[in-house]
Amino acid sequence: MEKILRKFKGTVVSDKMSKTIVVKVDAFKMHSKLKKRYKVSSKYKVHDEKNQFKTGDVVNFVECRPLSKDKKWRVVYSAE
């Protein structure tokens, strides 16, 4: 039985930590009563082993085992 991994695509907003980047993921939700779309965003701390991604890069990342208290994601590749 294969484990289902969550995958996201987002923009790097911070690369100041060692081997860690902060990635912002934007999504649109629909209001239940008004039926109007609105934008929501979430920030994730993602493991970047080689420190190769800089602020502004678009990256894909997947779920992995916990690497620290906040880091449960790792970069797969750049989306550009």
Protein backbone atom coordinates (compact mmCIF):
# COMPACT_ATOMS: atom_id res chain seq x y z
CA MET A 1 0.00 0.00 0.00
CA GLU A 2 1.53 3.28 -1.13
CA LYS A 3 1.43 6.36 1.08
CA ILE A 4 -0.37 9.37 -0.39
CA LEU A 5 1.87 12.44 -0.25
CA ARG A 6 0.52 15.97 -0.24
CA LYS A 7 2.13 18.18 -2.90
CA PHE A 8 2.12 21.98 -3.09
CA LYS A 9 3.52 24.69 -5.35
CA GLY A 10 4.48 28.06 -3.91
CA THR A 11 6.80 31.05 -3.87
CA VAL A 12 9.83 31.35 -1.61
CA VAL A 13 9.41 34.35 0.72
CA SER A 14 12.45 33.81 2.97
CA ASP A 15 15.78 31.99 2.64
CA LYS A 16 17.58 33.37 5.72
CA MET A 17 17.71 30.08 7.67
CA SER A 18 20.29 27.38 7.07
CA LYS A 19 18.85 24.51 4.94
CA THR A 20 15.33 25.91 5.39
CA ILE A 21 13.15 28.11 3.21
CA VAL A 22 9.73 29.61 3.92
CA VAL A 23 7.26 29.05 1.08
CA LYS A 24 3.93 30.87 0.66
CA VAL A 25 1.10 28.96 -1.01
CA ASP A 26 -1.91 30.90 -2.33
CA ALA A 27 -5.34 29.34 -2.83
CA PHE A 28 -8.86 30.53 -3.57
CA LYS A 29 -11.87 29.57 -1.48
CA MET A 30 -15.56 30.07 -2.09
CA HIS A 31 -17.73 31.78 0.52
CA SER A 32 -20.60 29.45 1.39
CA LYS A 33 -23.38 32.05 1.51
CA LEU A 34 -22.17 34.82 -0.79
CA LYS A 35 -20.67 32.49 -3.42
CA LYS A 36 -17.76 34.89 -3.79
CA ARG A 37 -14.15 33.78 -4.22
CA TYR A 38 -11.50 35.05 -1.84
CA LYS A 39 -7.76 34.47 -1.57
CA VAL A 40 -6.14 32.67 1.37
CA SER A 41 -2.44 31.97 1.85
CA SER A 42 -0.39 29.68 4.07
CA LYS A 43 3.31 29.63 4.88
CA TYR A 44 5.31 26.41 5.20
CA LYS A 45 8.88 25.80 6.37
CA VAL A 46 10.50 23.56 3.77
CA HIS A 47 13.80 21.65 3.89
CA ASP A 48 16.32 22.79 1.24
CA GLU A 49 19.42 20.59 1.66
CA LYS A 50 21.73 22.52 -0.71
CA ASN A 51 20.53 26.08 0.03
CA GLN A 52 19.93 26.51 -3.70
CA PHE A 53 16.57 28.35 -3.70
CA LYS A 54 16.37 32.12 -3.18
CA THR A 55 13.55 34.56 -2.45
CA GLY A 56 11.10 34.79 -5.36
CA ASP A 57 11.72 31.29 -6.75
CA VAL A 58 8.71 29.05 -7.46
CA VAL A 59 9.15 25.55 -5.99
CA ASN A 60 7.23 22.29 -5.63
CA PHE A 61 7.39 20.50 -2.29
CA VAL A 62 5.99 17.34 -0.71
CA GLU A 63 5.22 16.00 2.73
CA CYS A 64 7.90 13.98 4.53
CA ARG A 65 8.80 12.77 8.00
CA PRO A 66 9.21 15.49 10.66
CA LEU A 67 12.66 17.06 10.33
CA SER A 68 12.18 19.51 13.20
CA LYS A 69 9.37 21.05 15.24
CA ASP A 70 8.01 23.05 12.28
CA LYS A 71 9.59 21.37 9.23
CA LYS A 72 7.57 18.51 7.75
CA TRP A 73 8.14 19.31 4.05
CA ARG A 74 10.98 18.92 1.54
CA VAL A 75 11.64 20.50 -1.85
CA VAL A 76 11.17 18.23 -4.87
CA TYR A 77 12.30 20.61 -7.65
CA SER A 78 11.98 24.12 -8.96
CA ALA A 79 8.76 24.75 -10.87
CA GLU A 80 10.21 27.27 -13.34
